[in-house]
């Protein structure tokens, strides 16, 4: 009889630390997504959630986290992944179907040449994001209706929300960001952003950990001087100089005091309740 001796090689301290940090990252993203879903009532029992998958790190992470939550949530909901093939030159059309087939996730690849439309309409050197986003949103809304999806999940994260807030603050004169939950203008669709509490750096690390087959977006990625990139750099610099400031900025969006702003449509300044001094004066007059 031959006895086989199996030697267990202990992991190095570095390997144990990396494993520990990876587990913390995974748990943090799942927890934050679960909190966001609960805080804003994003997913209800019986929902069919259409996960918009671009091939970028954020949407891959979104699908991955939602797949986990679907298995462990106290409610039942279904997932379907949808990718819009915008016909960008060199786009590897096989990557997402192969990946989703391996996962066993129902999916649909919708092909429409929005890339050609954007390139034809927008002059060279001008920002393409606005038109591209509108075209993409219209297609995804249509597909959601055809699939019977009750929710449309997008992969926007905390940094996207704050960058949008600063863009509107500095360039549009509005206090407005990305809502975690939004009903479309025609009232037919509900858009949700389950990663609204998650940091972009965490999602990048998660994508590397999970080894997602990332597909770069050459359309917007080629535009180096976008105002959004300025806001991203500003947030990074703030966080570097004052750790915790970005989280404080996010918390400010949760605690809005309309009476301390200047918007007359949000607060009726003409009908302020009487002051305590005024009430005391009225009481004194009545007694006399």
C-alpha atoms as a PDB file:
ATOM      1  CA  UNK A   1       0.000   0.000   0.000  1.00  0.00           C
ATOM      2  CA  UNK A   2       1.384   3.347  -1.026  1.00  0.00           C
ATOM      3  CA  UNK A   3       0.700   6.221   1.308  1.00  0.00           C
ATOM      4  CA  UNK A   4       0.501   9.624  -0.299  1.00  0.00           C
ATOM      5  CA  UNK A   5       1.579  12.464   1.908  1.00  0.00           C
ATOM      6  CA  UNK A   6      -0.022  15.783   1.061  1.00  0.00           C
ATOM      7  CA  UNK A   7       1.962  18.736   2.258  1.00  0.00           C
ATOM      8  CA  UNK A   8      -0.087  21.811   3.123  1.00  0.00           C
ATOM      9  CA  UNK A   9       1.988  24.835   2.344  1.00  0.00           C
ATOM     10  CA  UNK A  10       0.975  27.694   4.628  1.00  0.00           C
ATOM     11  CA  UNK A  11       0.100  30.920   2.922  1.00  0.00           C
ATOM     12  CA  UNK A  12       2.412  33.840   3.370  1.00  0.00           C
ATOM     13  CA  UNK A  13       1.473  36.794   5.509  1.00  0.00           C
ATOM     14  CA  UNK A  14       1.028  38.859   2.363  1.00  0.00           C
ATOM     15  CA  UNK A  15      -1.339  36.303   0.830  1.00  0.00           C
ATOM     16  CA  UNK A  16      -3.422  36.151   3.997  1.00  0.00           C
ATOM     17  CA  UNK A  17      -3.633  39.932   4.122  1.00  0.00           C
ATOM     18  CA  UNK A  18      -4.657  40.140   0.464  1.00  0.00           C
ATOM     19  CA  UNK A  19      -7.345  37.504   1.013  1.00  0.00           C
ATOM     20  CA  UNK A  20      -8.615  39.356   4.073  1.00  0.00           C
ATOM     21  CA  UNK A  21      -8.783  42.666   2.207  1.00  0.00           C
ATOM     22  CA  UNK A  22     -10.520  41.032  -0.753  1.00  0.00           C
ATOM     23  CA  UNK A  23     -13.197  39.565   1.522  1.00  0.00           C
ATOM     24  CA  UNK A  24     -13.698  42.971   3.150  1.00  0.00           C
ATOM     25  CA  UNK A  25     -14.109  44.567  -0.267  1.00  0.00           C
ATOM     26  CA  UNK A  26     -16.669  42.018  -1.442  1.00  0.00           C
ATOM     27  CA  UNK A  27     -18.689  42.306   1.781  1.00  0.00           C
ATOM     28  CA  UNK A  28     -18.535  46.118   1.699  1.00  0.00           C
ATOM     29  CA  UNK A  29     -19.891  46.389  -1.841  1.00  0.00           C
ATOM     30  CA  UNK A  30     -22.675  43.901  -1.179  1.00  0.00           C
ATOM     31  CA  UNK A  31     -23.598  45.667   2.062  1.00  0.00           C
ATOM     32  CA  UNK A  32     -23.626  49.145   0.503  1.00  0.00           C
ATOM     33  CA  UNK A  33     -25.691  48.001  -2.462  1.00  0.00           C
ATOM     34  CA  UNK A  34     -28.141  46.284  -0.123  1.00  0.00           C
ATOM     35  CA  UNK A  35     -28.421  49.425   2.001  1.00  0.00           C
ATOM     36  CA  UNK A  36     -29.081  51.597  -1.042  1.00  0.00           C
ATOM     37  CA  UNK A  37     -31.743  49.216  -2.326  1.00  0.00           C
ATOM     38  CA  UNK A  38     -33.447  49.237   1.071  1.00  0.00           C
ATOM     39  CA  UNK A  39     -33.063  52.991   1.702  1.00  0.00           C
ATOM     40  CA  UNK A  40     -34.706  53.978  -1.585  1.00  0.00           C
ATOM     41  CA  UNK A  41     -37.068  51.046  -2.141  1.00  0.00           C
ATOM     42  CA  UNK A  42     -35.358  50.126  -5.387  1.00  0.00           C
ATOM     43  CA  UNK A  43     -36.456  46.500  -5.768  1.00  0.00           C
ATOM     44  CA  UNK A  44     -39.749  44.950  -4.726  1.00  0.00           C
ATOM     45  CA  UNK A  45     -40.970  41.369  -4.588  1.00  0.00           C
ATOM     46  CA  UNK A  46     -41.705  40.068  -8.082  1.00  0.00           C
ATOM     47  CA  UNK A  47     -39.676  42.699  -9.927  1.00  0.00           C
ATOM     48  CA  UNK A  48     -37.924  41.931 -13.177  1.00  0.00           C
ATOM     49  CA  UNK A  49     -34.723  43.971 -13.120  1.00  0.00           C
ATOM     50  CA  UNK A  50     -33.066  44.817 -16.423  1.00  0.00           C
ATOM     51  CA  UNK A  51     -29.346  45.295 -15.755  1.00  0.00           C
ATOM     52  CA  UNK A  52     -27.768  47.574 -18.350  1.00  0.00           C
ATOM     53  CA  UNK A  53     -24.381  46.042 -19.117  1.00  0.00           C
ATOM     54  CA  UNK A  54     -21.906  48.217 -21.009  1.00  0.00           C
ATOM     55  CA  UNK A  55     -18.812  46.085 -20.618  1.00  0.00           C
ATOM     56  CA  UNK A  56     -17.261  48.513 -18.134  1.00  0.00           C
ATOM     57  CA  UNK A  57     -16.210  47.753 -14.562  1.00  0.00           C
ATOM     58  CA  UNK A  58     -19.251  49.396 -12.950  1.00  0.00           C
ATOM     59  CA  UNK A  59     -21.959  47.509 -14.822  1.00  0.00           C
ATOM     60  CA  UNK A  60     -20.122  44.197 -14.421  1.00  0.00           C
ATOM     61  CA  UNK A  61     -19.938  44.804 -10.671  1.00  0.00           C
ATOM     62  CA  UNK A  62     -23.616  45.776 -10.599  1.00  0.00           C
ATOM     63  CA  UNK A  63     -24.679  42.518 -12.224  1.00  0.00           C
ATOM     64  CA  UNK A  64     -22.359  40.493  -9.987  1.00  0.00           C
ATOM     65  CA  UNK A  65     -23.648  42.075  -6.789  1.00  0.00           C
ATOM     66  CA  UNK A  66     -27.304  41.801  -7.828  1.00  0.00           C
ATOM     67  CA  UNK A  67     -26.824  38.115  -8.631  1.00  0.00           C
ATOM     68  CA  UNK A  68     -25.560  37.583  -5.086  1.00  0.00           C
ATOM     69  CA  UNK A  69     -28.348  39.647  -3.504  1.00  0.00           C
ATOM     70  CA  UNK A  70     -30.986  37.803  -5.526  1.00  0.00           C
ATOM     71  CA  UNK A  71     -29.847  34.538  -3.921  1.00  0.00           C
ATOM     72  CA  UNK A  72     -29.868  35.939  -0.384  1.00  0.00           C
ATOM     73  CA  UNK A  73     -32.619  38.580  -0.389  1.00  0.00           C
ATOM     74  CA  UNK A  74     -35.885  37.942   1.497  1.00  0.00           C
ATOM     75  CA  UNK A  75     -37.780  38.866  -1.672  1.00  0.00           C
ATOM     76  CA  UNK A  76     -37.923  37.239  -5.093  1.00  0.00           C
ATOM     77  CA  UNK A  77     -36.845  39.122  -8.198  1.00  0.00           C
ATOM     78  CA  UNK A  78     -35.511  38.214 -11.633  1.00  0.00           C
ATOM     79  CA  UNK A  79     -32.567  39.569 -13.577  1.00  0.00           C
ATOM     80  CA  UNK A  80     -32.002  40.041 -17.284  1.00  0.00           C
ATOM     81  CA  UNK A  81     -28.838  41.609 -18.684  1.00  0.00           C
ATOM     82  CA  UNK A  82     -29.051  43.915 -21.679  1.00  0.00           C
ATOM     83  CA  UNK A  83     -26.205  45.326 -23.744  1.00  0.00           C
ATOM     84  CA  UNK A  84     -26.574  47.971 -26.420  1.00  0.00           C
ATOM     85  CA  UNK A  85     -24.097  47.298 -29.211  1.00  0.00           C
ATOM     86  CA  UNK A  86     -23.593  50.854 -30.490  1.00  0.00           C
ATOM     87  CA  UNK A  87     -21.547  49.671 -33.483  1.00  0.00           C
ATOM     88  CA  UNK A  88     -18.313  51.261 -32.392  1.00  0.00           C
ATOM     89  CA  UNK A  89     -15.432  50.251 -34.659  1.00  0.00           C
ATOM     90  CA  UNK A  90     -13.489  47.358 -33.211  1.00  0.00           C
ATOM     91  CA  UNK A  91     -16.130  46.502 -30.601  1.00  0.00           C
ATOM     92  CA  UNK A  92     -15.582  42.833 -29.556  1.00  0.00           C
ATOM     93  CA  UNK A  93     -19.160  41.642 -30.016  1.00  0.00           C
ATOM     94  CA  UNK A  94     -18.457  38.124 -28.705  1.00  0.00           C
ATOM     95  CA  UNK A  95     -17.201  39.130 -25.235  1.00  0.00           C
ATOM     96  CA  UNK A  96     -20.470  39.847 -23.439  1.00  0.00           C
ATOM     97  CA  UNK A  97     -22.511  36.968 -24.948  1.00  0.00           C
ATOM     98  CA  UNK A  98     -19.746  34.528 -24.033  1.00  0.00           C
ATOM     99  CA  UNK A  99     -19.462  35.911 -20.505  1.00  0.00           C
ATOM    100  CA  UNK A 100     -23.220  35.945 -19.844  1.00  0.00           C
ATOM    101  CA  UNK A 101     -23.669  32.474 -21.281  1.00  0.00           C
ATOM    102  CA  UNK A 102     -21.036  31.146 -18.868  1.00  0.00           C
ATOM    103  CA  UNK A 103     -22.850  32.857 -15.984  1.00  0.00           C
ATOM    104  CA  UNK A 104     -26.193  31.421 -17.026  1.00  0.00           C
ATOM    105  CA  UNK A 105     -27.840  34.852 -16.949  1.00  0.00           C
ATOM    106  CA  UNK A 106     -30.670  35.593 -19.395  1.00  0.00           C
ATOM    107  CA  UNK A 107     -29.540  38.377 -21.712  1.00  0.00           C
ATOM    108  CA  UNK A 108     -30.284  40.347 -24.839  1.00  0.00           C
ATOM    109  CA  UNK A 109     -27.855  42.117 -27.129  1.00  0.00           C
ATOM    110  CA  UNK A 110     -29.528  45.068 -28.858  1.00  0.00           C
ATOM    111  CA  UNK A 111     -27.696  46.385 -31.924  1.00  0.00           C
ATOM    112  CA  UNK A 112     -28.181  49.972 -33.055  1.00  0.00           C
ATOM    113  CA  UNK A 113     -25.715  52.349 -34.688  1.00  0.00           C
ATOM    114  CA  UNK A 114     -25.929  55.192 -32.180  1.00  0.00           C
ATOM    115  CA  UNK A 115     -22.151  55.607 -32.578  1.00  0.00           C
ATOM    116  CA  UNK A 116     -22.558  56.622 -36.212  1.00  0.00           C
ATOM    117  CA  UNK A 117     -25.386  58.999 -35.311  1.00  0.00           C
ATOM    118  CA  UNK A 118     -23.334  60.730 -32.633  1.00  0.00           C
ATOM    119  CA  UNK A 119     -20.257  61.045 -34.838  1.00  0.00           C
ATOM    120  CA  UNK A 120     -22.382  62.478 -37.653  1.00  0.00           C
ATOM    121  CA  UNK A 121     -24.186  65.077 -35.537  1.00  0.00           C
ATOM    122  CA  UNK A 122     -21.563  66.208 -33.007  1.00  0.00           C
ATOM    123  CA  UNK A 123     -18.667  68.274 -34.446  1.00  0.00           C
ATOM    124  CA  UNK A 124     -15.180  66.949 -33.870  1.00  0.00           C
ATOM    125  CA  UNK A 125     -13.829  68.007 -30.478  1.00  0.00           C
ATOM    126  CA  UNK A 126     -17.275  68.677 -28.943  1.00  0.00           C
ATOM    127  CA  UNK A 127     -18.710  66.717 -26.034  1.00  0.00           C
ATOM    128  CA  UNK A 128     -20.567  63.624 -27.221  1.00  0.00           C
ATOM    129  CA  UNK A 129     -21.871  62.333 -23.887  1.00  0.00           C
ATOM    130  CA  UNK A 130     -25.198  64.175 -23.794  1.00  0.00           C
ATOM    131  CA  UNK A 131     -26.470  63.000 -27.186  1.00  0.00           C
ATOM    132  CA  UNK A 132     -25.003  59.531 -26.749  1.00  0.00           C
ATOM    133  CA  UNK A 133     -26.737  59.205 -23.387  1.00  0.00           C
ATOM    134  CA  UNK A 134     -30.116  60.320 -24.759  1.00  0.00           C
ATOM    135  CA  UNK A 135     -29.958  57.908 -27.682  1.00  0.00           C
ATOM    136  CA  UNK A 136     -28.876  55.049 -25.459  1.00  0.00           C
ATOM    137  CA  UNK A 137     -31.605  55.812 -22.909  1.00  0.00           C
ATOM    138  CA  UNK A 138     -34.299  55.770 -25.598  1.00  0.00           C
ATOM    139  CA  UNK A 139     -33.210  52.361 -26.860  1.00  0.00           C
ATOM    140  CA  UNK A 140     -32.974  50.898 -23.357  1.00  0.00           C
ATOM    141  CA  UNK A 141     -36.424  52.173 -22.421  1.00  0.00           C
ATOM    142  CA  UNK A 142     -37.862  50.504 -25.516  1.00  0.00           C
ATOM    143  CA  UNK A 143     -36.106  47.229 -24.768  1.00  0.00           C
ATOM    144  CA  UNK A 144     -37.282  47.322 -21.142  1.00  0.00           C
ATOM    145  CA  UNK A 145     -40.857  47.577 -22.368  1.00  0.00           C
ATOM    146  CA  UNK A 146     -40.388  44.680 -24.764  1.00  0.00           C
ATOM    147  CA  UNK A 147     -38.880  42.498 -22.023  1.00  0.00           C
ATOM    148  CA  UNK A 148     -41.502  43.420 -19.440  1.00  0.00           C
ATOM    149  CA  UNK A 149     -38.853  44.766 -17.064  1.00  0.00           C
ATOM    150  CA  UNK A 150     -40.241  46.636 -14.068  1.00  0.00           C
ATOM    151  CA  UNK A 151     -36.904  48.215 -13.087  1.00  0.00           C
ATOM    152  CA  UNK A 152     -33.901  49.396 -15.113  1.00  0.00           C
ATOM    153  CA  UNK A 153     -30.641  49.129 -13.152  1.00  0.00           C
ATOM    154  CA  UNK A 154     -27.697  51.368 -14.038  1.00  0.00           C
ATOM    155  CA  UNK A 155     -24.143  51.111 -12.731  1.00  0.00           C
ATOM    156  CA  UNK A 156     -23.617  54.711 -11.597  1.00  0.00           C
ATOM    157  CA  UNK A 157     -21.695  54.922  -8.331  1.00  0.00           C
ATOM    158  CA  UNK A 158     -21.014  57.467  -5.573  1.00  0.00           C
ATOM    159  CA  UNK A 159     -18.379  59.348  -7.550  1.00  0.00           C
ATOM    160  CA  UNK A 160     -20.700  59.663 -10.570  1.00  0.00           C
ATOM    161  CA  UNK A 161     -23.342  61.208  -8.310  1.00  0.00           C
ATOM    162  CA  UNK A 162     -20.948  63.724  -6.775  1.00  0.00           C
ATOM    163  CA  UNK A 163     -19.331  64.643 -10.091  1.00  0.00           C
ATOM    164  CA  UNK A 164     -22.796  65.327 -11.522  1.00  0.00           C
ATOM    165  CA  UNK A 165     -23.668  67.414  -8.473  1.00  0.00           C
ATOM    166  CA  UNK A 166     -20.539  69.560  -8.899  1.00  0.00           C
ATOM    167  CA  UNK A 167     -21.077  69.896 -12.653  1.00  0.00           C
ATOM    168  CA  UNK A 168     -24.592  71.216 -12.080  1.00  0.00           C
ATOM    169  CA  UNK A 169     -23.415  73.447  -9.245  1.00  0.00           C
ATOM    170  CA  UNK A 170     -20.521  75.025 -11.151  1.00  0.00           C
ATOM    171  CA  UNK A 171     -21.799  75.038 -14.733  1.00  0.00           C
ATOM    172  CA  UNK A 172     -25.625  74.826 -14.694  1.00  0.00           C
ATOM    173  CA  UNK A 173     -26.534  76.870 -11.621  1.00  0.00           C
ATOM    174  CA  UNK A 174     -28.606  74.020 -10.165  1.00  0.00           C
ATOM    175  CA  UNK A 175     -28.498  71.923  -7.001  1.00  0.00           C
ATOM    176  CA  UNK A 176     -29.056  68.598  -8.727  1.00  0.00           C
ATOM    177  CA  UNK A 177     -27.308  65.229  -8.840  1.00  0.00           C
ATOM    178  CA  UNK A 178     -28.202  61.693  -9.997  1.00  0.00           C
ATOM    179  CA  UNK A 179     -31.236  60.323  -8.160  1.00  0.00           C
ATOM    180  CA  UNK A 180     -30.945  56.785  -6.788  1.00  0.00           C
ATOM    181  CA  UNK A 181     -34.420  56.061  -8.122  1.00  0.00           C
ATOM    182  CA  UNK A 182     -36.179  57.855 -10.959  1.00  0.00           C
ATOM    183  CA  UNK A 183     -39.393  57.474 -12.899  1.00  0.00           C
ATOM    184  CA  UNK A 184     -39.088  58.260 -16.600  1.00  0.00           C
ATOM    185  CA  UNK A 185     -40.840  61.325 -18.019  1.00  0.00           C
ATOM    186  CA  UNK A 186     -43.558  59.209 -19.627  1.00  0.00           C
ATOM    187  CA  UNK A 187     -44.148  57.395 -16.333  1.00  0.00           C
ATOM    188  CA  UNK A 188     -43.575  53.943 -17.826  1.00  0.00           C
ATOM    189  CA  UNK A 189     -40.152  53.063 -16.421  1.00  0.00           C
ATOM    190  CA  UNK A 190     -38.314  53.180 -13.093  1.00  0.00           C
ATOM    191  CA  UNK A 191     -34.536  53.598 -13.173  1.00  0.00           C
ATOM    192  CA  UNK A 192     -32.497  52.492 -10.151  1.00  0.00           C
ATOM    193  CA  UNK A 193     -28.842  52.929  -9.180  1.00  0.00           C
ATOM    194  CA  UNK A 194     -27.970  50.277  -6.556  1.00  0.00           C
ATOM    195  CA  UNK A 195     -24.269  51.272  -6.474  1.00  0.00           C
ATOM    196  CA  UNK A 196     -25.025  54.841  -5.404  1.00  0.00           C
ATOM    197  CA  UNK A 197     -23.141  54.367  -2.090  1.00  0.00           C
ATOM    198  CA  UNK A 198     -20.144  52.560  -3.621  1.00  0.00           C
ATOM    199  CA  UNK A 199     -16.786  54.189  -4.340  1.00  0.00           C
ATOM    200  CA  UNK A 200     -15.344  54.013  -7.829  1.00  0.00           C
ATOM    201  CA  UNK A 201     -11.960  52.887  -6.502  1.00  0.00           C
ATOM    202  CA  UNK A 202     -13.627  49.938  -4.779  1.00  0.00           C
ATOM    203  CA  UNK A 203     -15.381  48.983  -8.008  1.00  0.00           C
ATOM    204  CA  UNK A 204     -12.109  49.133  -9.930  1.00  0.00           C
ATOM    205  CA  UNK A 205     -10.477  46.861  -7.351  1.00  0.00           C
ATOM    206  CA  UNK A 206     -13.481  44.537  -7.446  1.00  0.00           C
ATOM    207  CA  UNK A 207     -13.298  44.311 -11.246  1.00  0.00           C
ATOM    208  CA  UNK A 208      -9.637  43.315 -11.026  1.00  0.00           C
ATOM    209  CA  UNK A 209     -10.445  40.766  -8.312  1.00  0.00           C
ATOM    210  CA  UNK A 210     -13.265  39.208 -10.344  1.00  0.00           C
ATOM    211  CA  UNK A 211     -11.280  39.525 -13.600  1.00  0.00           C
ATOM    212  CA  UNK A 212     -14.198  40.934 -15.550  1.00  0.00           C
ATOM    213  CA  UNK A 213     -13.618  41.029 -19.349  1.00  0.00           C
ATOM    214  CA  UNK A 214     -13.586  44.840 -19.554  1.00  0.00           C
ATOM    215  CA  UNK A 215     -14.524  46.457 -22.867  1.00  0.00           C
ATOM    216  CA  UNK A 216     -13.279  50.079 -23.135  1.00  0.00           C
ATOM    217  CA  UNK A 217     -15.584  52.763 -24.531  1.00  0.00           C
ATOM    218  CA  UNK A 218     -13.635  54.455 -27.312  1.00  0.00           C
ATOM    219  CA  UNK A 219     -16.376  56.995 -27.931  1.00  0.00           C
ATOM    220  CA  UNK A 220     -16.219  58.945 -24.666  1.00  0.00           C
ATOM    221  CA  UNK A 221     -12.831  57.641 -23.633  1.00  0.00           C
ATOM    222  CA  UNK A 222     -11.263  59.598 -26.470  1.00  0.00           C
ATOM    223  CA  UNK A 223     -12.424  62.892 -24.982  1.00  0.00           C
ATOM    224  CA  UNK A 224      -9.750  63.890 -22.505  1.00  0.00           C
ATOM    225  CA  UNK A 225     -10.915  67.384 -21.601  1.00  0.00           C
ATOM    226  CA  UNK A 226     -14.436  66.743 -20.380  1.00  0.00           C
ATOM    227  CA  UNK A 227     -15.650  68.869 -17.486  1.00  0.00           C
ATOM    228  CA  UNK A 228     -16.514  65.642 -15.677  1.00  0.00           C
ATOM    229  CA  UNK A 229     -12.837  64.731 -15.638  1.00  0.00           C
ATOM    230  CA  UNK A 230     -12.146  68.067 -13.948  1.00  0.00           C
ATOM    231  CA  UNK A 231     -14.704  67.252 -11.262  1.00  0.00           C
ATOM    232  CA  UNK A 232     -13.207  63.797 -10.810  1.00  0.00           C
ATOM    233  CA  UNK A 233      -9.747  65.313 -10.316  1.00  0.00           C
ATOM    234  CA  UNK A 234     -11.183  67.868  -7.891  1.00  0.00           C
ATOM    235  CA  UNK A 235     -12.774  65.161  -5.747  1.00  0.00           C
ATOM    236  CA  UNK A 236      -9.553  63.152  -5.723  1.00  0.00           C
ATOM    237  CA  UNK A 237      -7.557  66.182  -4.618  1.00  0.00           C
ATOM    238  CA  UNK A 238     -10.040  67.034  -1.868  1.00  0.00           C
ATOM    239  CA  UNK A 239      -9.987  63.472  -0.564  1.00  0.00           C
ATOM    240  CA  UNK A 240      -6.196  63.397  -0.658  1.00  0.00           C
ATOM    241  CA  UNK A 241      -5.857  66.630   1.299  1.00  0.00           C
ATOM    242  CA  UNK A 242      -8.833  66.101   3.604  1.00  0.00           C
ATOM    243  CA  UNK A 243      -9.729  62.397   3.993  1.00  0.00           C
ATOM    244  CA  UNK A 244     -13.455  61.933   4.527  1.00  0.00           C
ATOM    245  CA  UNK A 245     -14.520  65.086   2.701  1.00  0.00           C
ATOM    246  CA  UNK A 246     -16.044  63.174  -0.223  1.00  0.00           C
ATOM    247  CA  UNK A 247     -18.169  61.090   2.141  1.00  0.00           C
ATOM    248  CA  UNK A 248     -19.281  64.283   3.881  1.00  0.00           C
ATOM    249  CA  UNK A 249     -20.281  65.696   0.505  1.00  0.00           C
ATOM    250  CA  UNK A 250     -22.403  62.635  -0.193  1.00  0.00           C
ATOM    251  CA  UNK A 251     -24.051  62.932   3.238  1.00  0.00           C
ATOM    252  CA  UNK A 252     -24.968  66.538   2.460  1.00  0.00           C
ATOM    253  CA  UNK A 253     -27.168  65.269  -0.368  1.00  0.00           C
ATOM    254  CA  UNK A 254     -29.113  63.231   2.196  1.00  0.00           C
ATOM    255  CA  UNK A 255     -29.713  66.171   4.552  1.00  0.00           C
ATOM    256  CA  UNK A 256     -31.210  69.037   2.543  1.00  0.00           C
ATOM    257  CA  UNK A 257     -32.589  72.092   4.359  1.00  0.00           C
ATOM    258  CA  UNK A 258     -34.723  73.932   1.811  1.00  0.00           C
ATOM    259  CA  UNK A 259     -35.426  76.750   4.268  1.00  0.00           C
ATOM    260  CA  UNK A 260     -31.709  77.587   4.192  1.00  0.00           C
ATOM    261  CA  UNK A 261     -31.482  77.885   0.408  1.00  0.00           C
ATOM    262  CA  UNK A 262     -32.930  80.473  -1.990  1.00  0.00           C
ATOM    263  CA  UNK A 263     -35.459  78.453  -3.985  1.00  0.00           C
ATOM    264  CA  UNK A 264     -38.922  80.013  -3.552  1.00  0.00           C
ATOM    265  CA  UNK A 265     -40.519  77.030  -5.317  1.00  0.00           C
ATOM    266  CA  UNK A 266     -39.179  74.636  -2.689  1.00  0.00           C
ATOM    267  CA  UNK A 267     -39.872  76.789   0.362  1.00  0.00           C
ATOM    268  CA  UNK A 268     -42.589  79.367   0.955  1.00  0.00           C
ATOM    269  CA  UNK A 269     -40.680  82.269   2.499  1.00  0.00           C
ATOM    270  CA  UNK A 270     -43.820  84.462   2.458  1.00  0.00           C
ATOM    271  CA  UNK A 271     -45.590  82.238   4.957  1.00  0.00           C
ATOM    272  CA  UNK A 272     -43.030  81.813   7.678  1.00  0.00           C
ATOM    273  CA  UNK A 273     -44.560  80.946  11.057  1.00  0.00           C
ATOM    274  CA  UNK A 274     -44.627  83.900  13.467  1.00  0.00           C
ATOM    275  CA  UNK A 275     -41.589  84.335  15.699  1.00  0.00           C
ATOM    276  CA  UNK A 276     -41.754  83.592  19.414  1.00  0.00           C
ATOM    277  CA  UNK A 277     -41.313  87.288  20.118  1.00  0.00           C
ATOM    278  CA  UNK A 278     -44.307  88.034  17.947  1.00  0.00           C
ATOM    279  CA  UNK A 279     -46.416  85.398  19.653  1.00  0.00           C
ATOM    280  CA  UNK A 280     -45.511  86.788  23.076  1.00  0.00           C
ATOM    281  CA  UNK A 281     -46.398  90.318  21.943  1.00  0.00           C
ATOM    282  CA  UNK A 282     -49.766  89.129  20.650  1.00  0.00           C
ATOM    283  CA  UNK A 283     -50.420  87.317  23.925  1.00  0.00           C
ATOM    284  CA  UNK A 284     -49.538  90.457  25.906  1.00  0.00           C
ATOM    285  CA  UNK A 285     -51.935  92.580  23.814  1.00  0.00           C
ATOM    286  CA  UNK A 286     -54.763  90.110  24.356  1.00  0.00           C
ATOM    287  CA  UNK A 287     -54.245  90.143  28.129  1.00  0.00           C
ATOM    288  CA  UNK A 288     -54.387  93.937  28.176  1.00  0.00           C
END
